[in-house]
Amino acid sequence: MLGGLRTRRASFAGSLAAVARGVALLTVVELGLASTAGAQARAPTRFAATPVVVAGRSSITSAR
């Protein structure tokens, strides 16, 4: 077993790095989901005090 590992050291290191990055990505996604799961719904207050809000069109047309 260790003899095969010694000859394939680069592929083992690459596989270990890929697994570590995958675990890190899943951890970040899980932390993001967990932080928003228990949050209460809030009304948007960003534009509450503005007298006029300018917005663009909400539809997109294709040039074709």
PDB file of N, CA and C in Angstrom:
ATOM      1  N   MET A   1       0.824  -1.194   0.000  1.00  0.00           N
ATOM      2  CA  MET A   1       0.000   0.000   0.000  1.00  0.00           C
ATOM      3  C   MET A   1       0.864   1.252   0.000  1.00  0.00           C
ATOM      4  N   LEU A   2       1.833   1.330   0.881  1.00  0.00           N
ATOM      5  CA  LEU A   2       2.675   2.525   0.938  1.00  0.00           C
ATOM      6  C   LEU A   2       3.588   2.636  -0.270  1.00  0.00           C
ATOM      7  N   GLY A   3       3.927   1.521  -0.867  1.00  0.00           N
ATOM      8  CA  GLY A   3       4.754   1.558  -2.070  1.00  0.00           C
ATOM      9  C   GLY A   3       4.031   2.238  -3.216  1.00  0.00           C
ATOM     10  N   GLY A   4       2.766   1.948  -3.376  1.00  0.00           N
ATOM     11  CA  GLY A   4       1.967   2.604  -4.412  1.00  0.00           C
ATOM     12  C   GLY A   4       1.769   4.077  -4.129  1.00  0.00           C
ATOM     13  N   LEU A   5       1.671   4.423  -2.851  1.00  0.00           N
ATOM     14  CA  LEU A   5       1.509   5.818  -2.482  1.00  0.00           C
ATOM     15  C   LEU A   5       2.780   6.603  -2.754  1.00  0.00           C
ATOM     16  N   ARG A   6       3.921   5.975  -2.550  1.00  0.00           N
ATOM     17  CA  ARG A   6       5.189   6.658  -2.809  1.00  0.00           C
ATOM     18  C   ARG A   6       5.377   6.955  -4.285  1.00  0.00           C
ATOM     19  N   THR A   7       4.899   6.081  -5.140  1.00  0.00           N
ATOM     20  CA  THR A   7       5.083   6.303  -6.572  1.00  0.00           C
ATOM     21  C   THR A   7       4.053   7.289  -7.128  1.00  0.00           C
ATOM     22  N   ARG A   8       2.952   7.445  -6.464  1.00  0.00           N
ATOM     23  CA  ARG A   8       1.905   8.365  -6.936  1.00  0.00           C
ATOM     24  C   ARG A   8       1.713   9.523  -5.963  1.00  0.00           C
ATOM     25  N   ARG A   9       2.778  10.116  -5.541  1.00  0.00           N
ATOM     26  CA  ARG A   9       2.753  11.173  -4.538  1.00  0.00           C
ATOM     27  C   ARG A   9       2.013  12.420  -5.055  1.00  0.00           C
ATOM     28  N   ALA A  10       2.238  12.791  -6.312  1.00  0.00           N
ATOM     29  CA  ALA A  10       1.614  13.997  -6.863  1.00  0.00           C
ATOM     30  C   ALA A  10       0.100  13.836  -6.988  1.00  0.00           C
ATOM     31  N   SER A  11      -0.347  12.689  -7.441  1.00  0.00           N
ATOM     32  CA  SER A  11      -1.797  12.486  -7.574  1.00  0.00           C
ATOM     33  C   SER A  11      -2.471  12.418  -6.206  1.00  0.00           C
ATOM     34  N   PHE A  12      -1.792  11.869  -5.227  1.00  0.00           N
ATOM     35  CA  PHE A  12      -2.336  11.843  -3.868  1.00  0.00           C
ATOM     36  C   PHE A  12      -2.447  13.253  -3.307  1.00  0.00           C
ATOM     37  N   ALA A  13      -1.428  14.069  -3.534  1.00  0.00           N
ATOM     38  CA  ALA A  13      -1.471  15.453  -3.047  1.00  0.00           C
ATOM     39  C   ALA A  13      -2.564  16.243  -3.757  1.00  0.00           C
ATOM     40  N   GLY A  14      -2.734  16.024  -5.054  1.00  0.00           N
ATOM     41  CA  GLY A  14      -3.794  16.704  -5.790  1.00  0.00           C
ATOM     42  C   GLY A  14      -5.174  16.290  -5.326  1.00  0.00           C
ATOM     43  N   SER A  15      -5.350  15.009  -5.086  1.00  0.00           N
ATOM     44  CA  SER A  15      -6.640  14.525  -4.591  1.00  0.00           C
ATOM     45  C   SER A  15      -6.935  15.075  -3.199  1.00  0.00           C
ATOM     46  N   LEU A  16      -5.929  15.123  -2.362  1.00  0.00           N
ATOM     47  CA  LEU A  16      -6.101  15.655  -1.015  1.00  0.00           C
ATOM     48  C   LEU A  16      -6.450  17.145  -1.066  1.00  0.00           C
ATOM     49  N   ALA A  17      -5.798  17.886  -1.956  1.00  0.00           N
ATOM     50  CA  ALA A  17      -6.104  19.312  -2.096  1.00  0.00           C
ATOM     51  C   ALA A  17      -7.522  19.513  -2.621  1.00  0.00           C
ATOM     52  N   ALA A  18      -7.964  18.688  -3.574  1.00  0.00           N
ATOM     53  CA  ALA A  18      -9.316  18.807  -4.110  1.00  0.00           C
ATOM     54  C   ALA A  18     -10.367  18.505  -3.047  1.00  0.00           C
ATOM     55  N   VAL A  19     -10.129  17.498  -2.254  1.00  0.00           N
ATOM     56  CA  VAL A  19     -11.071  17.157  -1.182  1.00  0.00           C
ATOM     57  C   VAL A  19     -11.108  18.267  -0.139  1.00  0.00           C
ATOM     58  N   ALA A  20      -9.947  18.819   0.198  1.00  0.00           N
ATOM     59  CA  ALA A  20      -9.897  19.903   1.185  1.00  0.00           C
ATOM     60  C   ALA A  20     -10.644  21.130   0.685  1.00  0.00           C
ATOM     61  N   ARG A  21     -10.480  21.471  -0.591  1.00  0.00           N
ATOM     62  CA  ARG A  21     -11.194  22.628  -1.137  1.00  0.00           C
ATOM     63  C   ARG A  21     -12.696  22.363  -1.206  1.00  0.00           C
ATOM     64  N   GLY A  22     -13.075  21.150  -1.533  1.00  0.00           N
ATOM     65  CA  GLY A  22     -14.491  20.803  -1.558  1.00  0.00           C
ATOM     66  C   GLY A  22     -15.130  20.914  -0.184  1.00  0.00           C
ATOM     67  N   VAL A  23     -14.431  20.435   0.816  1.00  0.00           N
ATOM     68  CA  VAL A  23     -14.939  20.528   2.188  1.00  0.00           C
ATOM     69  C   VAL A  23     -15.030  21.987   2.612  1.00  0.00           C
ATOM     70  N   ALA A  24     -14.038  22.794   2.255  1.00  0.00           N
ATOM     71  CA  ALA A  24     -14.064  24.213   2.597  1.00  0.00           C
ATOM     72  C   ALA A  24     -15.236  24.914   1.915  1.00  0.00           C
ATOM     73  N   LEU A  25     -15.492  24.595   0.650  1.00  0.00           N
ATOM     74  CA  LEU A  25     -16.606  25.204  -0.071  1.00  0.00           C
ATOM     75  C   LEU A  25     -17.942  24.819   0.550  1.00  0.00           C
ATOM     76  N   LEU A  26     -18.107  23.557   0.880  1.00  0.00           N
ATOM     77  CA  LEU A  26     -19.349  23.116   1.521  1.00  0.00           C
ATOM     78  C   LEU A  26     -19.531  23.775   2.882  1.00  0.00           C
ATOM     79  N   THR A  27     -18.451  23.981   3.611  1.00  0.00           N
ATOM     80  CA  THR A  27     -18.528  24.633   4.915  1.00  0.00           C
ATOM     81  C   THR A  27     -18.986  26.078   4.771  1.00  0.00           C
ATOM     82  N   VAL A  28     -18.447  26.787   3.787  1.00  0.00           N
ATOM     83  CA  VAL A  28     -18.836  28.182   3.570  1.00  0.00           C
ATOM     84  C   VAL A  28     -20.304  28.280   3.162  1.00  0.00           C
ATOM     85  N   VAL A  29     -20.752  27.402   2.287  1.00  0.00           N
ATOM     86  CA  VAL A  29     -22.148  27.410   1.865  1.00  0.00           C
ATOM     87  C   VAL A  29     -23.062  27.095   3.046  1.00  0.00           C
ATOM     88  N   GLU A  30     -22.688  26.123   3.839  1.00  0.00           N
ATOM     89  CA  GLU A  30     -23.500  25.760   5.006  1.00  0.00           C
ATOM     90  C   GLU A  30     -23.559  26.904   6.013  1.00  0.00           C
ATOM     91  N   LEU A  31     -22.460  27.610   6.229  1.00  0.00           N
ATOM     92  CA  LEU A  31     -22.469  28.748   7.146  1.00  0.00           C
ATOM     93  C   LEU A  31     -23.359  29.862   6.613  1.00  0.00           C
ATOM     94  N   GLY A  32     -23.334  30.080   5.312  1.00  0.00           N
ATOM     95  CA  GLY A  32     -24.209  31.092   4.724  1.00  0.00           C
ATOM     96  C   GLY A  32     -25.675  30.737   4.870  1.00  0.00           C
ATOM     97  N   LEU A  33     -26.005  29.479   4.634  1.00  0.00           N
ATOM     98  CA  LEU A  33     -27.392  29.044   4.792  1.00  0.00           C
ATOM     99  C   LEU A  33     -27.832  29.081   6.250  1.00  0.00           C
ATOM    100  N   ALA A  34     -26.960  28.687   7.142  1.00  0.00           N
ATOM    101  CA  ALA A  34     -27.310  28.668   8.561  1.00  0.00           C
ATOM    102  C   ALA A  34     -27.500  30.081   9.104  1.00  0.00           C
ATOM    103  N   SER A  35     -26.756  31.048   8.572  1.00  0.00           N
ATOM    104  CA  SER A  35     -26.889  32.412   9.078  1.00  0.00           C
ATOM    105  C   SER A  35     -28.180  33.071   8.614  1.00  0.00           C
ATOM    106  N   THR A  36     -28.754  32.612   7.513  1.00  0.00           N
ATOM    107  CA  THR A  36     -29.993  33.208   7.033  1.00  0.00           C
ATOM    108  C   THR A  36     -31.228  32.376   7.359  1.00  0.00           C
ATOM    109  N   ALA A  37     -31.062  31.186   7.851  1.00  0.00           N
ATOM    110  CA  ALA A  37     -32.207  30.302   8.097  1.00  0.00           C
ATOM    111  C   ALA A  37     -33.091  30.816   9.221  1.00  0.00           C
ATOM    112  N   GLY A  38     -32.516  31.337  10.276  1.00  0.00           N
ATOM    113  CA  GLY A  38     -33.313  31.790  11.411  1.00  0.00           C
ATOM    114  C   GLY A  38     -33.607  33.277  11.388  1.00  0.00           C
ATOM    115  N   ALA A  39     -33.261  33.964  10.321  1.00  0.00           N
ATOM    116  CA  ALA A  39     -33.468  35.409  10.260  1.00  0.00           C
ATOM    117  C   ALA A  39     -34.946  35.737  10.063  1.00  0.00           C
ATOM    118  N   GLN A  40     -35.371  36.807  10.685  1.00  0.00           N
ATOM    119  CA  GLN A  40     -36.758  37.247  10.541  1.00  0.00           C
ATOM    120  C   GLN A  40     -36.877  38.109   9.289  1.00  0.00           C
ATOM    121  N   ALA A  41     -38.051  38.090   8.689  1.00  0.00           N
ATOM    122  CA  ALA A  41     -38.296  38.907   7.505  1.00  0.00           C
ATOM    123  C   ALA A  41     -38.398  40.371   7.916  1.00  0.00           C
ATOM    124  N   ARG A  42     -37.662  41.222   7.215  1.00  0.00           N
ATOM    125  CA  ARG A  42     -37.684  42.651   7.507  1.00  0.00           C
ATOM    126  C   ARG A  42     -38.172  43.407   6.276  1.00  0.00           C
ATOM    127  N   ALA A  43     -38.871  44.481   6.512  1.00  0.00           N
ATOM    128  CA  ALA A  43     -39.301  45.335   5.411  1.00  0.00           C
ATOM    129  C   ALA A  43     -38.095  46.133   4.910  1.00  0.00           C
ATOM    130  N   PRO A  44     -37.987  46.355   3.603  1.00  0.00           N
ATOM    131  CA  PRO A  44     -36.862  47.127   3.106  1.00  0.00           C
ATOM    132  C   PRO A  44     -36.961  48.586   3.549  1.00  0.00           C
ATOM    133  N   THR A  45     -35.917  49.099   4.147  1.00  0.00           N
ATOM    134  CA  THR A  45     -35.921  50.477   4.648  1.00  0.00           C
ATOM    135  C   THR A  45     -34.923  51.351   3.907  1.00  0.00           C
ATOM    136  N   ARG A  46     -34.311  50.845   2.897  1.00  0.00           N
ATOM    137  CA  ARG A  46     -33.272  51.595   2.199  1.00  0.00           C
ATOM    138  C   ARG A  46     -33.830  52.835   1.509  1.00  0.00           C
ATOM    139  N   PHE A  47     -34.968  52.712   0.845  1.00  0.00           N
ATOM    140  CA  PHE A  47     -35.551  53.821   0.114  1.00  0.00           C
ATOM    141  C   PHE A  47     -36.769  54.410   0.819  1.00  0.00           C
ATOM    142  N   ALA A  48     -36.932  54.159   2.093  1.00  0.00           N
ATOM    143  CA  ALA A  48     -38.125  54.591   2.812  1.00  0.00           C
ATOM    144  C   ALA A  48     -38.211  56.109   2.918  1.00  0.00           C
ATOM    145  N   ALA A  49     -37.108  56.801   3.079  1.00  0.00           N
ATOM    146  CA  ALA A  49     -37.142  58.250   3.291  1.00  0.00           C
ATOM    147  C   ALA A  49     -36.888  59.048   2.022  1.00  0.00           C
ATOM    148  N   THR A  50     -36.701  58.422   0.882  1.00  0.00           N
ATOM    149  CA  THR A  50     -36.408  59.159  -0.350  1.00  0.00           C
ATOM    150  C   THR A  50     -37.703  59.636  -0.998  1.00  0.00           C
ATOM    151  N   PRO A  51     -37.715  60.876  -1.523  1.00  0.00           N
ATOM    152  CA  PRO A  51     -38.929  61.364  -2.158  1.00  0.00           C
ATOM    153  C   PRO A  51     -39.164  60.765  -3.553  1.00  0.00           C
ATOM    154  N   VAL A  52     -38.076  60.436  -4.273  1.00  0.00           N
ATOM    155  CA  VAL A  52     -38.202  59.903  -5.629  1.00  0.00           C
ATOM    156  C   VAL A  52     -37.202  58.764  -5.792  1.00  0.00           C
ATOM    157  N   VAL A  53     -37.644  57.671  -6.398  1.00  0.00           N
ATOM    158  CA  VAL A  53     -36.760  56.551  -6.708  1.00  0.00           C
ATOM    159  C   VAL A  53     -36.786  56.357  -8.217  1.00  0.00           C
ATOM    160  N   VAL A  54     -35.617  56.403  -8.848  1.00  0.00           N
ATOM    161  CA  VAL A  54     -35.512  56.231 -10.292  1.00  0.00           C
ATOM    162  C   VAL A  54     -35.084  54.802 -10.564  1.00  0.00           C
ATOM    163  N   ALA A  55     -35.829  54.116 -11.416  1.00  0.00           N
ATOM    164  CA  ALA A  55     -35.513  52.722 -11.737  1.00  0.00           C
ATOM    165  C   ALA A  55     -35.530  52.543 -13.242  1.00  0.00           C
ATOM    166  N   GLY A  56     -34.785  51.590 -13.712  1.00  0.00           N
ATOM    167  CA  GLY A  56     -34.752  51.280 -15.132  1.00  0.00           C
ATOM    168  C   GLY A  56     -35.865  50.337 -15.514  1.00  0.00           C
ATOM    169  N   ARG A  57     -35.874  49.943 -16.788  1.00  0.00           N
ATOM    170  CA  ARG A  57     -36.884  49.015 -17.261  1.00  0.00           C
ATOM    171  C   ARG A  57     -36.650  47.643 -16.640  1.00  0.00           C
ATOM    172  N   SER A  58     -37.724  46.948 -16.387  1.00  0.00           N
ATOM    173  CA  SER A  58     -37.599  45.632 -15.780  1.00  0.00           C
ATOM    174  C   SER A  58     -37.651  44.519 -16.817  1.00  0.00           C
ATOM    175  N   SER A  59     -37.629  44.844 -18.096  1.00  0.00           N
ATOM    176  CA  SER A  59     -37.637  43.826 -19.141  1.00  0.00           C
ATOM    177  C   SER A  59     -36.417  44.017 -20.032  1.00  0.00           C
ATOM    178  N   ILE A  60     -35.989  42.939 -20.653  1.00  0.00           N
ATOM    179  CA  ILE A  60     -34.824  42.950 -21.535  1.00  0.00           C
ATOM    180  C   ILE A  60     -35.285  42.477 -22.905  1.00  0.00           C
ATOM    181  N   THR A  61     -34.881  43.201 -23.936  1.00  0.00           N
ATOM    182  CA  THR A  61     -35.216  42.791 -25.293  1.00  0.00           C
ATOM    183  C   THR A  61     -33.960  42.370 -26.009  1.00  0.00           C
ATOM    184  N   SER A  62     -34.102  41.411 -26.889  1.00  0.00           N
ATOM    185  CA  SER A  62     -32.976  40.884 -27.631  1.00  0.00           C
ATOM    186  C   SER A  62     -32.834  41.649 -28.953  1.00  0.00           C
ATOM    187  N   ALA A  63     -31.596  41.772 -29.437  1.00  0.00           N
ATOM    188  CA  ALA A  63     -31.339  42.493 -30.679  1.00  0.00           C
ATOM    189  C   ALA A  63     -31.658  41.630 -31.902  1.00  0.00           C
ATOM    190  N   ARG A  64     -31.906  40.393 -31.748  1.00  0.00           N
ATOM    191  CA  ARG A  64     -32.186  39.496 -32.880  1.00  0.00           C
ATOM    192  C   ARG A  64     -33.527  39.699 -33.440  1.00  0.00           C
TER     193      ARG A  64
END
